[in-house]
Amino acid sequence: MPYFDSASAAPLHPVARQALQAALDEGWADPARLYREGRRARLLLDAAREAAAESVGCRPDELVFTPSGTHAVHAGVSGVLAGRRRVGGHLVVSAVEHSSVLHAAQVHEASGGTVSEVPVDRTGAVEAAGYREALGATTALACLQSANHEVGTVQPVAEVAGLCAQAGVPLLVDAAQSLGWGPVEGPWSVLAASAHKWGGPPGVGLLAVRKGVRFSPQGPADERESGRSPGFVNLPAIVAAAASLRAVRAEADAEAARLRVLVDRIRRRVARLVPDVEVVGDPERRLPHLVTFSCLYVDGEALLHELDRAGFSVSSGSSCTSSTLTPSHVLRAMGVLSEGNVRVSLPPGTTAQEVNAFLEVLPGVVAGVRERLGVREPGPQVPPVADSLELDALGLRCPQPVIELARAVVTVPVGGTVTVVSDDEVARLDIPAWCAMRGHAYLGEAERPAGVAYTVRRLR
């Protein structure tokens, strides 16, 4: 069964498995102790730290291991904000940061700090100028991911890091998705990553803090890991994480070139094979193994279930796959279609045959889900029934409001309008995206006592 969700968790690399088994025998003792078992464990920990630091591009004494990438992000954000509190309480983030960064920003704002959010374009990329404008005299920290976890767009980290350095503001980089493919360029100040993203074991994160960055660890003091990550280290997992990072880096260039060809094939053929689909993210400045697309008139959860039944494990950033009934913050910030969203992230070793099999199955699966939702190919042109219509879509959930809109728009003349009243937050994103895809004009929205009215003008 092809596994196409390595952006969530990559399969354990063979080197990680070997290192983990060896470290379970040799690295079980407390590395803080002076007897021989402790000294042996300490040697393993020091070697793992040196290997990880070399891959990150920092000094070994600048890097600590944490229980997860999320823990590394939270510790990094809170530590820098506390260390620079005399500068001010202003934090700058991009609109498409991982939820771990945004959650840390929410906590900071709730405690009295201020947060500025830098927008992205339709490909999911920030403009470096947006950071230049957001930085100020009271800015304590800026955050920017190296590459987006949902759509794969690579961010201009080096350029933003340079601007931050000129302004005297540290830049924290969430490198979880990219670190296995190569080091993060530019004068960044703090870096966080997670081992299970590159084929290491889960439960290991990295936090690198450059010398000279004012940093004050929050929470009770602990003598381990420079006081930045309390508790007894999971030494076997750390050894496996460092060993696998070095191994995947040695394979990265060749594997990236091979997977980029397969992802390009998906990007081209999905748009041809599946009607009414939007491939999102930057087509060039992107991670080599990841592609995301959204399908009109499709329930995302049903689509993922059907692909799973067909033997393909994929994921989604669509609101239709969560109980929150709100769009993915990444897709919302980009202004792209969110319904029927599929993220394909190929693990190392994926074959062309597996990708071709996925492309053979996908059109039929999408068509089947649409048919069950009552989506049909348009029949003969019907005479207009009115110059304008209003649809009550209250209580209908993604993608039903858009399906109702598509049925109704052909019943008004060219130039006529259809207004959809919906209480589904997804409609705010997907109705304008539908208009862009189908060649109609989105006229805007208006609050109603119940829900929001979205008005569309038929143009063809």
Protein backbone atom coordinates (compact mmCIF):
# COMPACT_ATOMS: atom_id res chain seq x y z
CA MET A 1 0.00 0.00 0.00
CA PRO A 2 1.73 3.23 -1.12
CA TYR A 3 2.26 5.68 1.73
CA PHE A 4 2.14 9.27 0.44
CA ASP A 5 2.14 11.29 3.68
CA SER A 6 5.79 11.73 4.59
CA ALA A 7 5.16 15.42 5.36
CA SER A 8 3.29 14.20 8.45
CA ALA A 9 5.76 11.47 9.36
CA ALA A 10 8.40 9.86 7.18
CA PRO A 11 8.93 6.09 7.42
CA LEU A 12 11.78 5.18 9.74
CA HIS A 13 15.05 5.27 7.80
CA PRO A 14 17.05 2.01 7.87
CA VAL A 15 19.99 3.84 9.44
CA ALA A 16 17.69 5.13 12.19
CA ARG A 17 16.51 1.62 12.90
CA GLN A 18 20.08 0.28 13.12
CA ALA A 19 21.27 3.15 15.31
CA LEU A 20 18.25 2.85 17.59
CA GLN A 21 18.82 -0.85 18.18
CA ALA A 22 22.53 -0.32 18.90
CA ALA A 23 21.87 2.62 21.23
CA LEU A 24 19.30 0.66 23.20
CA ASP A 25 22.13 -1.65 24.21
CA GLU A 26 24.80 1.02 24.76
CA GLY A 27 22.95 4.21 25.66
CA TRP A 28 20.50 3.36 28.40
CA ALA A 29 22.43 4.88 31.31
CA ASP A 30 22.35 8.44 32.64
CA PRO A 31 24.86 10.50 30.59
CA ALA A 32 25.31 12.84 33.57
CA ARG A 33 26.92 10.11 35.68
CA LEU A 34 30.66 9.47 35.93
CA TYR A 35 30.73 5.68 36.00
CA ARG A 36 31.56 3.79 32.83
CA GLU A 37 27.96 3.24 31.67
CA GLY A 38 27.26 6.93 32.13
CA ARG A 39 30.46 7.92 30.34
CA ARG A 40 29.55 5.62 27.45
CA ALA A 41 26.11 7.23 27.23
CA ARG A 42 27.69 10.69 27.37
CA LEU A 43 29.98 9.86 24.47
CA LEU A 44 26.95 8.79 22.42
CA LEU A 45 25.07 11.97 23.31
CA ASP A 46 28.03 14.20 22.45
CA ALA A 47 28.57 12.40 19.14
CA ALA A 48 24.88 12.76 18.25
CA ARG A 49 24.96 16.47 19.11
CA GLU A 50 28.04 17.03 16.94
CA ALA A 51 26.49 15.17 14.01
CA ALA A 52 23.19 17.06 14.30
CA ALA A 53 24.96 20.41 14.65
CA GLU A 54 27.01 19.72 11.53
CA SER A 55 23.81 19.02 9.58
CA VAL A 56 22.09 22.11 10.96
CA GLY A 57 25.09 24.36 10.43
CA CYS A 58 25.69 25.49 13.99
CA ARG A 59 28.06 24.79 16.89
CA PRO A 60 27.38 21.73 19.04
CA ASP A 61 27.02 23.89 22.14
CA GLU A 62 24.28 25.88 20.35
CA LEU A 63 22.05 22.83 19.85
CA VAL A 64 19.86 20.96 22.32
CA PHE A 65 17.52 18.01 21.90
CA THR A 66 13.85 18.35 22.83
CA PRO A 67 10.93 15.89 23.13
CA SER A 68 9.40 17.09 19.82
CA GLY A 69 9.55 19.74 17.14
CA THR A 70 6.55 21.48 18.68
CA HIS A 71 8.36 21.61 22.04
CA ALA A 72 11.38 23.09 20.28
CA VAL A 73 9.24 25.81 18.67
CA HIS A 74 7.47 26.68 21.90
CA ALA A 75 10.74 26.76 23.86
CA GLY A 76 12.42 28.84 21.16
CA VAL A 77 9.64 31.42 20.89
CA SER A 78 9.10 31.81 24.62
CA GLY A 79 12.84 31.82 25.41
CA VAL A 80 13.71 34.59 22.95
CA LEU A 81 10.67 36.70 23.83
CA ALA A 82 11.58 36.46 27.53
CA GLY A 83 15.25 37.13 26.88
CA ARG A 84 14.45 40.27 24.86
CA ARG A 85 11.54 41.59 26.90
CA ARG A 86 13.39 44.85 27.54
CA VAL A 87 13.39 45.49 23.78
CA GLY A 88 9.62 45.08 23.59
CA GLY A 89 6.83 42.57 23.21
CA HIS A 90 6.28 42.62 19.46
CA LEU A 91 6.33 39.30 17.56
CA VAL A 92 6.24 38.93 13.76
CA VAL A 93 5.03 35.71 12.07
CA SER A 94 3.91 34.73 8.60
CA ALA A 95 0.26 33.89 7.95
CA VAL A 96 1.15 30.30 6.99
CA GLU A 97 3.35 29.24 9.91
CA HIS A 98 2.84 25.82 11.44
CA SER A 99 0.21 25.73 14.17
CA SER A 100 2.94 25.34 16.81
CA VAL A 101 4.22 28.83 15.97
CA LEU A 102 0.74 30.34 15.77
CA HIS A 103 -0.26 28.78 19.09
CA ALA A 104 2.84 30.25 20.70
CA ALA A 105 1.92 33.62 19.18
CA GLN A 106 -1.60 33.36 20.63
CA VAL A 107 -0.21 32.70 24.11
CA HIS A 108 2.13 35.67 23.76
CA GLU A 109 -0.72 37.92 22.66
CA ALA A 110 -2.95 36.72 25.50
CA SER A 111 -0.23 37.63 27.99
CA GLY A 112 -0.06 41.21 26.71
CA GLY A 113 2.28 41.02 23.73
CA THR A 114 1.54 42.14 20.20
CA VAL A 115 1.69 40.06 17.03
CA SER A 116 1.99 41.11 13.39
CA GLU A 117 1.12 38.64 10.65
CA VAL A 118 2.87 38.92 7.29
CA PRO A 119 0.55 37.90 4.41
CA VAL A 120 1.42 35.54 1.57
CA ASP A 121 0.62 35.52 -2.13
CA ARG A 122 -1.51 32.94 -3.91
CA THR A 123 1.43 30.50 -4.05
CA GLY A 124 1.89 30.67 -0.27
CA ALA A 125 5.11 32.71 -0.35
CA VAL A 126 5.85 35.81 1.72
CA GLU A 127 7.47 38.90 0.30
CA ALA A 128 10.63 39.82 2.18
CA ALA A 129 9.42 43.41 2.06
CA GLY A 130 6.51 42.38 4.27
CA TYR A 131 8.95 41.54 7.05
CA ARG A 132 10.86 44.78 6.51
CA GLU A 133 7.64 46.73 7.03
CA ALA A 134 6.58 44.68 10.06
CA LEU A 135 9.87 44.97 11.97
CA GLY A 136 10.03 47.83 14.44
CA ALA A 137 11.91 49.21 17.42
CA THR A 138 9.93 47.00 19.83
CA THR A 139 10.15 43.78 17.79
CA ALA A 140 11.62 41.05 19.97
CA LEU A 141 11.39 38.14 17.52
CA ALA A 142 10.40 37.23 13.98
CA CYS A 143 9.42 33.72 12.80
CA LEU A 144 9.45 32.25 9.31
CA GLN A 145 9.19 28.62 8.24
CA SER A 146 11.75 27.39 5.73
CA ALA A 147 9.08 25.61 3.65
CA ASN A 148 5.35 25.25 4.07
CA HIS A 149 4.04 22.03 5.54
CA GLU A 150 0.78 21.98 3.55
CA VAL A 151 1.69 23.17 0.05
CA GLY A 152 5.50 22.85 -0.04
CA THR A 153 6.31 26.45 -0.98
CA VAL A 154 9.89 27.40 -0.03
CA GLN A 155 10.17 30.75 1.74
CA PRO A 156 12.87 33.42 1.16
CA VAL A 157 14.50 32.71 4.52
CA ALA A 158 17.97 33.98 3.66
CA GLU A 159 16.63 37.33 2.47
CA VAL A 160 14.34 37.74 5.48
CA ALA A 161 17.12 36.69 7.84
CA GLY A 162 19.34 39.39 6.35
CA LEU A 163 16.67 42.03 6.91
CA CYS A 164 16.17 40.85 10.48
CA ALA A 165 19.92 40.95 11.13
CA GLN A 166 20.07 44.54 9.84
CA ALA A 167 17.22 45.45 12.21
CA GLY A 168 18.84 43.63 15.14
CA VAL A 169 15.92 41.20 15.43
CA PRO A 170 16.46 37.43 15.83
CA LEU A 171 14.76 35.19 13.27
CA LEU A 172 13.38 31.81 14.37
CA VAL A 173 13.11 29.32 11.51
CA ASP A 174 10.81 26.32 11.69
CA ALA A 175 12.82 23.95 9.48
CA ALA A 176 10.79 20.81 10.19
CA GLN A 177 9.84 20.17 6.57
CA SER A 178 13.11 21.13 4.89
CA LEU A 179 16.00 20.10 7.15
CA GLY A 180 16.23 16.61 5.69
CA TRP A 181 16.75 18.13 2.24
CA GLY A 182 19.51 20.57 3.17
CA PRO A 183 20.70 23.25 5.60
CA VAL A 184 18.83 26.51 6.08
CA GLU A 185 20.73 29.36 4.44
CA GLY A 186 21.15 32.87 5.80
CA PRO A 187 21.95 34.45 9.17
CA TRP A 188 19.10 32.89 11.12
CA SER A 189 19.21 33.10 14.92
CA VAL A 190 17.07 30.19 16.17
CA LEU A 191 16.09 26.98 14.42
CA ALA A 192 13.63 24.22 15.31
CA ALA A 193 13.09 20.84 13.65
CA SER A 194 11.58 17.42 14.24
CA ALA A 195 13.22 14.04 13.59
CA HIS A 196 10.14 12.15 12.44
CA LYS A 197 9.89 14.47 9.43
CA TRP A 198 13.16 13.17 7.94
CA GLY A 199 12.89 9.49 8.87
CA GLY A 200 14.15 9.60 12.43
CA PRO A 201 12.13 8.24 15.36
CA PRO A 202 9.25 10.28 16.78
CA GLY A 203 9.78 12.10 20.04
CA VAL A 204 12.98 13.98 19.14
CA GLY A 205 13.20 17.65 18.27
CA LEU A 206 16.12 20.00 17.68
CA LEU A 207 16.48 23.54 19.00
CA ALA A 208 19.49 25.59 17.91
CA VAL A 209 20.10 29.02 19.44
CA ARG A 210 23.03 31.00 18.04
CA LYS A 211 25.57 32.49 20.41
CA GLY A 212 24.74 36.11 21.11
CA VAL A 213 20.95 35.66 21.02
CA ARG A 214 19.45 36.73 24.33
CA PHE A 215 17.56 33.67 25.54
CA SER A 216 15.81 33.00 28.85
CA PRO A 217 14.37 29.47 29.22
CA GLN A 218 10.88 29.48 30.68
CA GLY A 219 9.57 27.08 33.32
CA PRO A 220 11.41 25.39 36.17
CA ALA A 221 15.19 25.31 35.86
CA ASP A 222 16.87 22.06 34.79
CA GLU A 223 20.56 21.24 34.51
CA ARG A 224 20.13 19.11 31.36
CA GLU A 225 20.39 20.36 27.77
CA SER A 226 21.68 23.79 28.82
CA GLY A 227 18.48 24.32 30.80
CA ARG A 228 16.49 24.67 27.57
CA SER A 229 14.80 21.26 27.53
CA PRO A 230 14.18 19.72 30.96
CA GLY A 231 14.05 16.04 31.73
CA PHE A 232 15.96 12.85 31.06
CA VAL A 233 16.93 12.62 27.38
CA ASN A 234 15.73 9.76 25.19
CA LEU A 235 19.28 8.90 24.20
CA PRO A 236 18.59 5.92 21.87
CA ALA A 237 16.08 8.00 19.89
CA ILE A 238 18.47 10.97 19.79
CA VAL A 239 21.29 8.80 18.44
CA ALA A 240 18.94 7.39 15.79
CA ALA A 241 17.72 10.90 14.88
CA ALA A 242 21.23 12.27 14.36
CA ALA A 243 22.38 9.21 12.41
CA SER A 244 19.35 9.28 10.13
CA LEU A 245 19.69 13.03 9.48
CA ARG A 246 23.25 12.50 8.29
CA ALA A 247 22.11 9.56 6.15
CA VAL A 248 19.20 11.33 4.46
CA ARG A 249 21.41 14.34 3.77
CA ALA A 250 23.89 12.10 1.95
CA GLU A 251 21.03 10.85 -0.24
CA ALA A 252 19.15 14.15 -0.53
CA ASP A 253 20.39 15.55 -3.85
CA ALA A 254 19.82 12.37 -5.84
CA GLU A 255 16.49 11.61 -4.17
CA ALA A 256 15.25 15.18 -4.58
CA ALA A 257 15.97 15.10 -8.31
CA ARG A 258 14.15 11.79 -8.68
CA LEU A 259 11.10 12.75 -6.62
CA ARG A 260 10.80 16.16 -8.30
CA VAL A 261 10.20 14.38 -11.60
CA LEU A 262 7.41 12.31 -10.04
CA VAL A 263 5.81 15.33 -8.36
CA ASP A 264 5.95 17.29 -11.62
CA ARG A 265 4.12 14.39 -13.25
CA ILE A 266 1.38 14.59 -10.61
CA ARG A 267 1.10 18.37 -10.98
CA ARG A 268 0.68 18.13 -14.77
CA ARG A 269 -1.57 15.10 -14.98
CA VAL A 270 -3.96 15.86 -12.14
CA ALA A 271 -4.91 19.11 -13.87
CA ARG A 272 -5.60 17.18 -17.10
CA LEU A 273 -7.23 14.07 -15.67
CA VAL A 274 -9.58 15.60 -13.09
CA PRO A 275 -12.05 18.35 -14.07
CA ASP A 276 -12.36 21.41 -11.84
CA VAL A 277 -9.16 20.97 -9.87
CA GLU A 278 -6.69 23.58 -8.59
CA VAL A 279 -3.05 22.63 -8.00
CA VAL A 280 -1.76 24.98 -5.30
CA GLY A 281 1.66 26.13 -4.11
CA ASP A 282 4.63 27.49 -6.01
CA PRO A 283 5.39 25.26 -9.04
CA GLU A 284 9.14 26.01 -8.86
CA ARG A 285 10.20 27.18 -5.40
CA ARG A 286 8.89 24.16 -3.51
CA LEU A 287 9.95 21.05 -1.67
CA PRO A 288 10.83 18.27 -4.12
CA HIS A 289 8.47 15.64 -2.72
CA LEU A 290 5.22 17.47 -2.04
CA VAL A 291 2.20 18.51 -4.13
CA THR A 292 -1.23 19.72 -3.04
CA PHE A 293 -4.41 20.08 -5.07
CA SER A 294 -8.08 20.84 -4.36
CA CYS A 295 -11.11 19.46 -6.18
CA LEU A 296 -14.38 21.33 -6.60
CA TYR A 297 -17.63 19.67 -5.48
CA VAL A 298 -15.83 17.10 -3.32
CA ASP A 299 -16.08 16.27 0.36
CA GLY A 300 -12.47 16.03 1.49
CA GLU A 301 -13.03 13.41 4.16
CA ALA A 302 -14.91 11.15 1.76
CA LEU A 303 -12.17 11.59 -0.83
CA LEU A 304 -9.41 10.60 1.59
CA HIS A 305 -11.41 7.58 2.75
CA GLU A 306 -11.95 6.42 -0.83
CA LEU A 307 -8.26 6.85 -1.68
CA ASP A 308 -7.42 4.85 1.43
CA ARG A 309 -9.81 2.11 0.29
CA ALA A 310 -8.02 2.15 -3.05
CA GLY A 311 -4.70 1.63 -1.27
CA PHE A 312 -3.22 5.15 -1.09
CA SER A 313 -2.42 6.98 2.15
CA VAL A 314 -2.64 10.74 1.64
CA SER A 315 -3.57 13.68 3.85
CA SER A 316 -5.32 17.01 3.55
CA GLY A 317 -5.37 20.58 4.78
CA SER A 318 -9.04 20.87 3.94
CA SER A 319 -11.61 21.97 6.47
CA CYS A 320 -13.76 19.10 5.28
CA THR A 321 -11.50 16.63 7.05
CA SER A 322 -11.72 18.19 10.49
CA SER A 323 -14.42 18.73 13.06
CA THR A 324 -13.71 22.46 13.24
CA LEU A 325 -15.58 23.28 10.01
CA THR A 326 -13.07 26.07 9.33
CA PRO A 327 -10.67 26.23 6.40
CA SER A 328 -7.00 25.41 6.74
CA HIS A 329 -5.29 28.62 7.83
CA VAL A 330 -2.69 28.07 5.10
CA LEU A 331 -5.22 27.72 2.28
CA ARG A 332 -7.25 30.63 3.69
CA ALA A 333 -4.18 32.89 3.74
CA MET A 334 -3.39 31.91 0.14
CA GLY A 335 -6.97 32.53 -1.00
CA VAL A 336 -7.21 29.20 -2.85
CA LEU A 337 -9.84 26.50 -2.99
CA SER A 338 -9.99 24.42 0.19
CA GLU A 339 -12.67 21.81 -0.54
CA GLY A 340 -11.57 18.39 -1.70
CA ASN A 341 -8.00 19.15 -0.70
CA VAL A 342 -5.36 16.42 -1.09
CA ARG A 343 -1.69 16.63 -0.04
CA VAL A 344 0.63 14.07 -1.59
CA SER A 345 4.10 13.90 -0.01
CA LEU A 346 6.28 11.14 -1.39
CA PRO A 347 8.73 9.35 0.92
CA PRO A 348 12.19 8.38 -0.33
CA GLY A 349 12.03 5.28 -2.47
CA THR A 350 8.64 6.02 -4.02
CA THR A 351 8.51 4.48 -7.48
CA ALA A 352 7.12 5.75 -10.78
CA GLN A 353 4.80 2.73 -10.83
CA GLU A 354 3.24 3.78 -7.51
CA VAL A 355 2.69 7.32 -8.75
CA ASN A 356 1.21 6.09 -12.03
CA ALA A 357 -1.15 3.79 -10.14
CA PHE A 358 -2.31 6.75 -8.03
CA LEU A 359 -2.98 8.81 -11.15
CA GLU A 360 -4.98 5.96 -12.66
CA VAL A 361 -7.18 5.63 -9.59
CA LEU A 362 -7.69 9.32 -8.75
CA PRO A 363 -10.11 10.41 -11.53
CA GLY A 364 -12.54 7.59 -10.81
CA VAL A 365 -12.42 8.18 -7.07
CA VAL A 366 -13.14 11.91 -7.48
CA ALA A 367 -15.96 11.20 -9.95
CA GLY A 368 -17.47 8.66 -7.56
CA VAL A 369 -17.45 11.07 -4.61
CA ARG A 370 -18.99 13.81 -6.76
CA GLU A 371 -21.72 11.48 -7.99
CA ARG A 372 -22.68 10.52 -4.45
CA LEU A 373 -22.99 14.22 -3.64
CA GLY A 374 -25.37 14.70 -6.57
CA VAL A 375 -22.94 16.46 -8.91
CA ARG A 376 -23.80 15.85 -12.56
CA GLU A 377 -22.39 17.06 -15.84
CA PRO A 378 -24.41 20.10 -17.04
CA GLY A 379 -27.27 19.19 -19.37
CA PRO A 380 -28.74 21.31 -22.18
CA GLN A 381 -28.84 25.05 -21.52
CA VAL A 382 -32.05 25.96 -19.72
CA PRO A 383 -33.85 29.30 -20.16
CA PRO A 384 -33.17 31.72 -17.29
CA VAL A 385 -35.79 31.59 -14.57
CA ALA A 386 -34.92 34.95 -12.98
CA ASP A 387 -32.44 37.83 -13.20
CA SER A 388 -31.29 37.10 -9.67
CA LEU A 389 -31.66 34.27 -7.20
CA GLU A 390 -31.00 33.82 -3.52
CA LEU A 391 -30.13 30.37 -2.16
CA ASP A 392 -30.65 29.35 1.45
CA ALA A 393 -27.63 27.15 2.22
CA LEU A 394 -27.84 27.51 6.00
CA GLY A 395 -26.87 24.27 7.68
CA LEU A 396 -25.20 22.88 4.55
CA ARG A 397 -21.54 22.03 4.90
CA CYS A 398 -18.60 21.95 2.52
CA PRO A 399 -18.86 21.37 -0.42
CA GLN A 400 -22.66 21.55 -0.64
CA PRO A 401 -23.01 25.39 -0.76
CA VAL A 402 -20.73 25.52 -3.81
CA ILE A 403 -22.59 22.62 -5.45
CA GLU A 404 -25.87 24.51 -4.99
CA LEU A 405 -24.28 27.65 -6.44
CA ALA A 406 -23.05 25.76 -9.52
CA ARG A 407 -26.55 24.36 -10.12
CA ALA A 408 -28.20 27.77 -9.74
CA VAL A 409 -25.85 29.97 -11.76
CA VAL A 410 -27.02 28.49 -15.08
CA THR A 411 -30.59 29.45 -14.26
CA VAL A 412 -29.89 33.21 -14.36
CA PRO A 413 -28.93 35.10 -17.53
CA VAL A 414 -25.38 36.29 -18.22
CA GLY A 415 -25.08 39.39 -16.06
CA GLY A 416 -27.53 38.00 -13.51
CA THR A 417 -26.61 37.32 -9.89
CA VAL A 418 -26.86 34.44 -7.43
CA THR A 419 -26.62 35.08 -3.70
CA VAL A 420 -25.75 32.17 -1.41
CA VAL A 421 -26.59 32.55 2.29
CA SER A 422 -24.35 30.20 4.26
CA ASP A 423 -23.25 29.73 7.86
CA ASP A 424 -20.28 27.56 6.87
CA GLU A 425 -16.98 29.43 7.32
CA VAL A 426 -15.55 27.52 4.35
CA ALA A 427 -17.88 29.36 1.97
CA ARG A 428 -15.93 32.58 2.57
CA LEU A 429 -12.93 30.94 0.89
CA ASP A 430 -14.44 28.49 -1.57
CA ILE A 431 -17.09 30.65 -3.26
CA PRO A 432 -14.53 33.28 -4.42
CA ALA A 433 -12.20 30.45 -5.45
CA TRP A 434 -15.05 28.83 -7.43
CA CYS A 435 -15.68 32.13 -9.22
CA ALA A 436 -12.01 32.40 -10.20
CA MET A 437 -11.98 28.83 -11.50
CA ARG A 438 -15.31 29.03 -13.38
CA GLY A 439 -14.94 32.53 -14.85
CA HIS A 440 -17.62 34.37 -12.86
CA ALA A 441 -17.40 37.60 -10.82
CA TYR A 442 -17.43 37.52 -7.05
CA LEU A 443 -19.24 40.65 -5.85
CA GLY A 444 -18.58 40.32 -2.14
CA GLU A 445 -20.28 39.34 1.08
CA ALA A 446 -22.72 40.84 3.55
CA GLU A 447 -23.60 39.82 7.07
CA ARG A 448 -27.11 38.49 7.65
CA PRO A 449 -28.91 37.78 10.94
CA ALA A 450 -28.13 34.14 10.24
CA GLY A 451 -25.00 33.47 8.23
CA VAL A 452 -23.34 35.50 5.50
CA ALA A 453 -24.64 36.34 2.00
CA TYR A 454 -22.14 35.78 -0.82
CA THR A 455 -23.09 37.30 -4.20
CA VAL A 456 -21.85 36.10 -7.59
CA ARG A 457 -22.44 37.58 -11.06
CA ARG A 458 -22.69 35.16 -13.99
CA LEU A 459 -20.28 36.19 -16.77
CA ARG A 460 -20.62 33.38 -19.28
